[in-house]
Amino acid sequence: MKKYMIIIGLSIVLVIAGYLLLNLRSVYFVDINTQEKTKLTSFWVKQDHINIKDRWFKDFDDDVISGFILIEDNKVYTIIPYAFTKLDESSRLIDLYESTLDRNKEIKWISKEDEQDVLYDIKEEVRLDISVDTYLGSVTEDHK
């Protein structure tokens, strides 16, 4: 009886491992300024949303980077515009930044016509400038 339980257990583990291996994807970031393609992770399971992690960007030299996230396989791909800002832990804005940043992005998969890698050409860059003012005192209304 133990022999059958071990065989069943190993079979389940192999099926799960096979499923995960078939659905693992690499996630890349393409920097808009340098057009350098950097692998963020190799262990993302294909799904319809992605939770972007700060640790993926820890090795970047710049404090602010912008570009797009690219995920692809033989049949589909997705491109997600993304900007990342490294804030100093001592910054007063870190709490506001952490509470308003949406790292969970919906993915719209686009079908490929053939199995070649996605070719991209950055034709135009749109910059987004943001200024933040801080005031001492209390706020009586919620503002988004």
N, C-alpha and C. Protein backbone atom coordinates (compact mmCIF):
# COMPACT_ATOMS: atom_id res chain seq x y z
N MET A 1 0.82 -1.19 0.00
CA MET A 1 0.00 0.00 0.00
C MET A 1 0.87 1.27 0.00
N LYS A 2 1.97 1.25 0.79
CA LYS A 2 2.86 2.40 0.83
C LYS A 2 3.49 2.64 -0.53
N LYS A 3 3.78 1.56 -1.24
CA LYS A 3 4.41 1.68 -2.55
C LYS A 3 3.49 2.44 -3.52
N TYR A 4 2.19 2.13 -3.48
CA TYR A 4 1.24 2.81 -4.35
C TYR A 4 1.08 4.28 -3.97
N MET A 5 1.10 4.58 -2.69
CA MET A 5 0.99 5.96 -2.23
C MET A 5 2.20 6.77 -2.70
N ILE A 6 3.38 6.18 -2.62
CA ILE A 6 4.59 6.85 -3.08
C ILE A 6 4.53 7.11 -4.58
N ILE A 7 4.08 6.12 -5.34
CA ILE A 7 3.97 6.27 -6.79
C ILE A 7 2.96 7.35 -7.14
N ILE A 8 1.82 7.36 -6.46
CA ILE A 8 0.79 8.38 -6.70
C ILE A 8 1.33 9.76 -6.34
N GLY A 9 2.01 9.86 -5.21
CA GLY A 9 2.59 11.13 -4.78
C GLY A 9 3.60 11.66 -5.77
N LEU A 10 4.50 10.79 -6.23
CA LEU A 10 5.49 11.19 -7.23
C LEU A 10 4.83 11.60 -8.55
N SER A 11 3.79 10.90 -8.92
CA SER A 11 3.08 11.24 -10.16
C SER A 11 2.46 12.63 -10.07
N ILE A 12 1.86 12.93 -8.94
CA ILE A 12 1.26 14.25 -8.75
C ILE A 12 2.33 15.34 -8.79
N VAL A 13 3.45 15.10 -8.13
CA VAL A 13 4.55 16.07 -8.13
C VAL A 13 5.07 16.28 -9.54
N LEU A 14 5.23 15.21 -10.31
CA LEU A 14 5.72 15.33 -11.69
C LEU A 14 4.74 16.09 -12.58
N VAL A 15 3.45 15.86 -12.41
CA VAL A 15 2.45 16.56 -13.21
C VAL A 15 2.47 18.05 -12.89
N ILE A 16 2.54 18.39 -11.61
CA ILE A 16 2.59 19.80 -11.21
C ILE A 16 3.88 20.46 -11.72
N ALA A 17 5.00 19.78 -11.57
CA ALA A 17 6.28 20.32 -12.04
C ALA A 17 6.26 20.51 -13.56
N GLY A 18 5.70 19.56 -14.28
CA GLY A 18 5.60 19.68 -15.74
C GLY A 18 4.73 20.86 -16.15
N TYR A 19 3.61 21.03 -15.46
CA TYR A 19 2.72 22.16 -15.75
C TYR A 19 3.44 23.49 -15.52
N LEU A 20 4.13 23.58 -14.39
CA LEU A 20 4.85 24.83 -14.09
C LEU A 20 5.95 25.09 -15.11
N LEU A 21 6.70 24.05 -15.48
CA LEU A 21 7.78 24.25 -16.45
C LEU A 21 7.25 24.68 -17.82
N LEU A 22 6.10 24.15 -18.21
CA LEU A 22 5.52 24.54 -19.50
C LEU A 22 4.96 25.96 -19.47
N ASN A 23 4.63 26.47 -18.29
CA ASN A 23 4.02 27.79 -18.18
C ASN A 23 4.95 28.85 -17.63
N LEU A 24 6.22 28.53 -17.36
CA LEU A 24 7.16 29.54 -16.88
C LEU A 24 7.57 30.45 -18.04
N ARG A 25 7.64 31.74 -17.76
CA ARG A 25 8.05 32.72 -18.76
C ARG A 25 9.10 33.64 -18.16
N SER A 26 9.93 34.18 -19.03
CA SER A 26 10.87 35.22 -18.62
C SER A 26 10.18 36.57 -18.80
N VAL A 27 10.49 37.48 -17.90
CA VAL A 27 9.95 38.84 -17.96
C VAL A 27 11.12 39.77 -18.21
N TYR A 28 11.00 40.63 -19.23
CA TYR A 28 12.07 41.54 -19.61
C TYR A 28 11.61 42.99 -19.44
N PHE A 29 12.57 43.86 -19.21
CA PHE A 29 12.31 45.30 -19.18
C PHE A 29 13.19 45.95 -20.24
N VAL A 30 12.59 46.77 -21.09
CA VAL A 30 13.32 47.50 -22.12
C VAL A 30 13.35 48.97 -21.69
N ASP A 31 14.55 49.47 -21.40
CA ASP A 31 14.73 50.86 -20.98
C ASP A 31 14.54 51.77 -22.19
N ILE A 32 13.68 52.76 -22.05
CA ILE A 32 13.35 53.64 -23.17
C ILE A 32 14.54 54.50 -23.58
N ASN A 33 15.41 54.86 -22.62
CA ASN A 33 16.55 55.74 -22.94
C ASN A 33 17.69 54.99 -23.60
N THR A 34 18.06 53.85 -23.04
CA THR A 34 19.19 53.10 -23.58
C THR A 34 18.76 52.03 -24.57
N GLN A 35 17.47 51.69 -24.59
CA GLN A 35 16.89 50.61 -25.37
C GLN A 35 17.54 49.26 -25.04
N GLU A 36 18.10 49.18 -23.83
CA GLU A 36 18.70 47.95 -23.35
C GLU A 36 17.62 47.02 -22.80
N LYS A 37 17.68 45.75 -23.19
CA LYS A 37 16.72 44.75 -22.74
C LYS A 37 17.34 43.98 -21.58
N THR A 38 16.66 44.00 -20.43
CA THR A 38 17.17 43.36 -19.22
C THR A 38 16.17 42.32 -18.72
N LYS A 39 16.66 41.13 -18.42
CA LYS A 39 15.79 40.10 -17.88
C LYS A 39 15.51 40.41 -16.41
N LEU A 40 14.23 40.54 -16.07
CA LEU A 40 13.83 40.82 -14.69
C LEU A 40 13.70 39.53 -13.89
N THR A 41 13.09 38.51 -14.49
CA THR A 41 12.94 37.22 -13.82
C THR A 41 12.70 36.14 -14.87
N SER A 42 13.07 34.92 -14.51
CA SER A 42 12.82 33.76 -15.38
C SER A 42 11.70 32.89 -14.83
N PHE A 43 11.19 33.25 -13.68
CA PHE A 43 10.26 32.37 -12.97
C PHE A 43 8.89 33.01 -12.77
N TRP A 44 8.29 33.46 -13.85
CA TRP A 44 6.94 34.01 -13.79
C TRP A 44 6.02 33.03 -14.49
N VAL A 45 4.96 32.61 -13.81
CA VAL A 45 4.00 31.66 -14.38
C VAL A 45 2.98 32.44 -15.20
N LYS A 46 2.81 32.04 -16.46
CA LYS A 46 1.94 32.75 -17.39
C LYS A 46 0.51 32.81 -16.84
N GLN A 47 -0.03 34.03 -16.80
CA GLN A 47 -1.39 34.27 -16.34
C GLN A 47 -1.88 35.58 -16.93
N ASP A 48 -3.04 36.07 -16.50
CA ASP A 48 -3.63 37.27 -17.09
C ASP A 48 -3.36 38.54 -16.29
N HIS A 49 -2.47 38.46 -15.33
CA HIS A 49 -2.04 39.64 -14.59
C HIS A 49 -0.61 39.42 -14.10
N ILE A 50 0.07 40.51 -13.76
CA ILE A 50 1.42 40.39 -13.25
C ILE A 50 1.57 41.32 -12.06
N ASN A 51 2.21 40.85 -11.03
CA ASN A 51 2.52 41.66 -9.87
C ASN A 51 4.00 42.04 -9.99
N ILE A 52 4.25 43.29 -10.35
CA ILE A 52 5.61 43.76 -10.61
C ILE A 52 6.30 44.02 -9.27
N LYS A 53 7.49 43.48 -9.11
CA LYS A 53 8.20 43.56 -7.83
C LYS A 53 9.35 44.55 -7.89
N ASP A 54 9.52 45.31 -6.81
CA ASP A 54 10.62 46.30 -6.73
C ASP A 54 11.98 45.63 -6.86
N ARG A 55 12.12 44.43 -6.32
CA ARG A 55 13.43 43.78 -6.33
C ARG A 55 13.92 43.48 -7.75
N TRP A 56 13.02 43.42 -8.71
CA TRP A 56 13.42 43.21 -10.09
C TRP A 56 14.27 44.37 -10.60
N PHE A 57 14.10 45.55 -10.02
CA PHE A 57 14.77 46.76 -10.50
C PHE A 57 15.94 47.18 -9.61
N LYS A 58 16.31 46.40 -8.63
CA LYS A 58 17.34 46.81 -7.66
C LYS A 58 18.72 46.98 -8.30
N ASP A 59 19.01 46.28 -9.38
CA ASP A 59 20.33 46.36 -10.01
C ASP A 59 20.46 47.50 -11.02
N PHE A 60 19.39 48.23 -11.27
CA PHE A 60 19.46 49.36 -12.19
C PHE A 60 20.19 50.51 -11.51
N ASP A 61 21.03 51.20 -12.26
CA ASP A 61 21.82 52.30 -11.70
C ASP A 61 20.99 53.56 -11.48
N ASP A 62 20.07 53.85 -12.38
CA ASP A 62 19.30 55.09 -12.30
C ASP A 62 18.23 54.99 -11.22
N ASP A 63 17.92 56.13 -10.62
CA ASP A 63 16.85 56.17 -9.62
C ASP A 63 15.47 56.17 -10.26
N VAL A 64 15.38 56.64 -11.48
CA VAL A 64 14.11 56.65 -12.21
C VAL A 64 14.36 56.03 -13.57
N ILE A 65 13.61 55.01 -13.88
CA ILE A 65 13.71 54.39 -15.20
C ILE A 65 12.32 54.27 -15.78
N SER A 66 12.23 54.37 -17.09
CA SER A 66 10.95 54.19 -17.75
C SER A 66 11.18 53.40 -19.01
N GLY A 67 10.17 52.67 -19.39
CA GLY A 67 10.26 51.82 -20.55
C GLY A 67 9.05 50.92 -20.62
N PHE A 68 9.27 49.67 -21.01
CA PHE A 68 8.16 48.74 -21.04
C PHE A 68 8.61 47.34 -20.64
N ILE A 69 7.65 46.60 -20.11
CA ILE A 69 7.87 45.20 -19.73
C ILE A 69 7.40 44.35 -20.90
N LEU A 70 8.21 43.37 -21.27
CA LEU A 70 7.92 42.49 -22.40
C LEU A 70 7.89 41.05 -21.92
N ILE A 71 6.80 40.37 -22.22
CA ILE A 71 6.67 38.93 -21.94
C ILE A 71 6.21 38.28 -23.24
N GLU A 72 6.87 37.19 -23.62
CA GLU A 72 6.46 36.52 -24.85
C GLU A 72 6.74 35.03 -24.80
N ASP A 73 6.02 34.30 -25.62
CA ASP A 73 6.33 32.90 -25.88
C ASP A 73 6.17 32.69 -27.38
N ASN A 74 6.02 31.46 -27.83
CA ASN A 74 5.95 31.19 -29.27
C ASN A 74 4.67 31.69 -29.92
N LYS A 75 3.58 31.82 -29.13
CA LYS A 75 2.29 32.15 -29.72
C LYS A 75 1.76 33.54 -29.38
N VAL A 76 2.11 34.07 -28.22
CA VAL A 76 1.57 35.36 -27.79
C VAL A 76 2.65 36.21 -27.13
N TYR A 77 2.35 37.50 -27.00
CA TYR A 77 3.25 38.41 -26.29
C TYR A 77 2.42 39.52 -25.66
N THR A 78 3.04 40.26 -24.75
CA THR A 78 2.43 41.44 -24.17
C THR A 78 3.49 42.49 -23.91
N ILE A 79 3.10 43.74 -24.02
CA ILE A 79 3.97 44.87 -23.72
C ILE A 79 3.22 45.76 -22.73
N ILE A 80 3.88 46.07 -21.60
CA ILE A 80 3.26 46.86 -20.55
C ILE A 80 4.15 48.08 -20.29
N PRO A 81 3.67 49.30 -20.57
CA PRO A 81 4.47 50.48 -20.24
C PRO A 81 4.68 50.53 -18.72
N TYR A 82 5.89 50.89 -18.29
CA TYR A 82 6.15 50.90 -16.85
C TYR A 82 7.27 51.88 -16.53
N ALA A 83 7.10 52.59 -15.44
CA ALA A 83 8.13 53.47 -14.91
C ALA A 83 8.38 53.09 -13.46
N PHE A 84 9.63 53.13 -13.05
CA PHE A 84 10.01 52.76 -11.69
C PHE A 84 10.84 53.86 -11.07
N THR A 85 10.53 54.20 -9.83
CA THR A 85 11.26 55.22 -9.09
C THR A 85 11.79 54.63 -7.81
N LYS A 86 13.11 54.74 -7.60
CA LYS A 86 13.72 54.31 -6.34
C LYS A 86 13.63 55.48 -5.37
N LEU A 87 12.95 55.28 -4.26
CA LEU A 87 12.87 56.30 -3.24
C LEU A 87 13.74 55.89 -2.07
N ASP A 88 14.39 56.85 -1.49
CA ASP A 88 15.20 56.62 -0.30
C ASP A 88 14.27 56.24 0.85
N GLU A 89 14.64 55.24 1.63
CA GLU A 89 13.80 54.78 2.74
C GLU A 89 13.50 55.90 3.74
N SER A 90 14.37 56.91 3.80
CA SER A 90 14.15 58.00 4.75
C SER A 90 13.24 59.09 4.18
N SER A 91 12.84 58.95 2.92
CA SER A 91 12.00 59.95 2.29
C SER A 91 10.63 60.01 2.97
N ARG A 92 10.12 61.22 3.11
CA ARG A 92 8.78 61.39 3.69
C ARG A 92 7.70 60.92 2.72
N LEU A 93 8.04 60.80 1.46
CA LEU A 93 7.05 60.42 0.45
C LEU A 93 6.92 58.91 0.28
N ILE A 94 7.76 58.14 0.95
CA ILE A 94 7.77 56.70 0.73
C ILE A 94 6.42 56.06 1.07
N ASP A 95 5.78 56.50 2.13
CA ASP A 95 4.48 55.93 2.50
C ASP A 95 3.41 56.25 1.47
N LEU A 96 3.40 57.50 1.00
CA LEU A 96 2.45 57.89 -0.04
C LEU A 96 2.70 57.11 -1.32
N TYR A 97 3.95 57.00 -1.69
CA TYR A 97 4.33 56.26 -2.90
C TYR A 97 3.90 54.80 -2.81
N GLU A 98 4.20 54.16 -1.69
CA GLU A 98 3.87 52.75 -1.51
C GLU A 98 2.35 52.52 -1.50
N SER A 99 1.59 53.45 -0.94
CA SER A 99 0.15 53.24 -0.83
C SER A 99 -0.59 53.50 -2.14
N THR A 100 0.00 54.29 -3.04
CA THR A 100 -0.70 54.61 -4.28
C THR A 100 -0.16 53.87 -5.51
N LEU A 101 1.00 53.25 -5.40
CA LEU A 101 1.59 52.57 -6.54
C LEU A 101 0.84 51.27 -6.83
N ASP A 102 0.40 51.11 -8.06
CA ASP A 102 -0.29 49.88 -8.46
C ASP A 102 0.68 49.00 -9.22
N ARG A 103 1.17 47.98 -8.57
CA ARG A 103 2.13 47.06 -9.20
C ARG A 103 1.45 45.88 -9.87
N ASN A 104 0.16 45.70 -9.62
CA ASN A 104 -0.57 44.58 -10.21
C ASN A 104 -1.21 45.06 -11.51
N LYS A 105 -0.71 44.56 -12.62
CA LYS A 105 -1.15 45.02 -13.94
C LYS A 105 -1.89 43.90 -14.67
N GLU A 106 -2.99 44.26 -15.30
CA GLU A 106 -3.72 43.33 -16.15
C GLU A 106 -2.92 43.14 -17.45
N ILE A 107 -2.97 41.95 -17.99
CA ILE A 107 -2.23 41.64 -19.21
C ILE A 107 -3.21 41.36 -20.34
N LYS A 108 -2.98 42.03 -21.46
CA LYS A 108 -3.73 41.74 -22.68
C LYS A 108 -2.76 41.03 -23.63
N TRP A 109 -3.00 39.75 -23.86
CA TRP A 109 -2.13 38.96 -24.71
C TRP A 109 -2.44 39.26 -26.17
N ILE A 110 -1.39 39.41 -26.97
CA ILE A 110 -1.52 39.68 -28.40
C ILE A 110 -0.96 38.47 -29.16
N SER A 111 -1.75 37.95 -30.10
CA SER A 111 -1.34 36.76 -30.85
C SER A 111 -0.24 37.11 -31.84
N LYS A 112 0.70 36.18 -32.00
CA LYS A 112 1.77 36.34 -32.99
C LYS A 112 1.34 35.68 -34.29
N GLU A 113 1.86 36.22 -35.40
CA GLU A 113 1.59 35.61 -36.70
C GLU A 113 2.52 34.44 -36.96
N ASP A 114 3.73 34.50 -36.38
CA ASP A 114 4.67 33.40 -36.51
C ASP A 114 5.41 33.25 -35.18
N GLU A 115 6.34 32.33 -35.10
CA GLU A 115 7.01 32.04 -33.84
C GLU A 115 8.28 32.86 -33.60
N GLN A 116 8.51 33.89 -34.39
CA GLN A 116 9.70 34.72 -34.22
C GLN A 116 9.57 35.61 -33.00
N ASP A 117 10.72 36.04 -32.48
CA ASP A 117 10.72 36.98 -31.36
C ASP A 117 10.09 38.30 -31.79
N VAL A 118 9.51 38.99 -30.82
CA VAL A 118 8.90 40.29 -31.09
C VAL A 118 10.00 41.29 -31.44
N LEU A 119 9.81 41.99 -32.55
CA LEU A 119 10.72 43.07 -32.94
C LEU A 119 10.03 44.38 -32.61
N TYR A 120 10.75 45.30 -32.03
CA TYR A 120 10.16 46.58 -31.66
C TYR A 120 11.11 47.70 -32.05
N ASP A 121 10.51 48.82 -32.32
CA ASP A 121 11.26 50.01 -32.68
C ASP A 121 10.61 51.18 -31.95
N ILE A 122 11.38 51.84 -31.11
CA ILE A 122 10.84 52.94 -30.32
C ILE A 122 10.88 54.18 -31.21
N LYS A 123 9.70 54.64 -31.62
CA LYS A 123 9.60 55.76 -32.55
C LYS A 123 9.40 57.09 -31.84
N GLU A 124 8.71 57.07 -30.72
CA GLU A 124 8.42 58.31 -30.04
C GLU A 124 8.39 58.06 -28.54
N GLU A 125 8.93 59.00 -27.83
CA GLU A 125 8.96 58.90 -26.38
C GLU A 125 8.09 60.01 -25.82
N VAL A 126 7.19 59.65 -24.91
CA VAL A 126 6.34 60.64 -24.27
C VAL A 126 6.76 60.72 -22.82
N ARG A 127 7.21 61.88 -22.40
CA ARG A 127 7.67 62.06 -21.02
C ARG A 127 6.50 62.52 -20.15
N LEU A 128 6.52 62.07 -18.93
CA LEU A 128 5.53 62.47 -17.95
C LEU A 128 6.26 63.12 -16.80
N ASP A 129 6.03 64.40 -16.62
CA ASP A 129 6.67 65.14 -15.53
C ASP A 129 5.67 65.29 -14.40
N ILE A 130 6.12 65.03 -13.20
CA ILE A 130 5.26 65.12 -12.03
C ILE A 130 5.97 65.96 -10.98
N SER A 131 5.23 66.88 -10.38
CA SER A 131 5.78 67.61 -9.26
C SER A 131 4.90 67.35 -8.05
N VAL A 132 5.53 67.24 -6.91
CA VAL A 132 4.80 66.95 -5.68
C VAL A 132 5.15 68.02 -4.67
N ASP A 133 4.13 68.68 -4.13
CA ASP A 133 4.33 69.64 -3.06
C ASP A 133 3.87 69.02 -1.75
N THR A 134 4.56 69.29 -0.69
CA THR A 134 4.14 68.81 0.63
C THR A 134 3.90 70.00 1.53
N TYR A 135 2.90 69.90 2.38
CA TYR A 135 2.54 70.97 3.29
C TYR A 135 2.44 70.41 4.70
N LEU A 136 2.83 71.19 5.64
CA LEU A 136 2.64 70.81 7.03
C LEU A 136 1.20 71.11 7.42
N GLY A 137 0.64 70.30 8.30
CA GLY A 137 -0.73 70.52 8.74
C GLY A 137 -1.56 69.29 8.49
N SER A 138 -2.85 69.41 8.70
CA SER A 138 -3.74 68.26 8.53
C SER A 138 -4.66 68.51 7.35
N VAL A 139 -5.09 67.43 6.74
CA VAL A 139 -5.99 67.49 5.60
C VAL A 139 -7.34 66.99 6.06
N THR A 140 -8.40 67.73 5.73
CA THR A 140 -9.73 67.33 6.18
C THR A 140 -10.49 66.57 5.11
N GLU A 141 -10.03 66.61 3.87
CA GLU A 141 -10.70 65.90 2.80
C GLU A 141 -9.76 64.87 2.19
N ASP A 142 -10.35 63.80 1.66
CA ASP A 142 -9.56 62.81 0.92
C ASP A 142 -9.39 63.29 -0.51
N HIS A 143 -8.19 63.22 -1.00
CA HIS A 143 -7.91 63.60 -2.38
C HIS A 143 -7.20 62.44 -3.06
N LYS A 144 -7.60 62.15 -4.29
CA LYS A 144 -6.90 61.13 -5.06
C LYS A 144 -5.95 61.82 -5.99
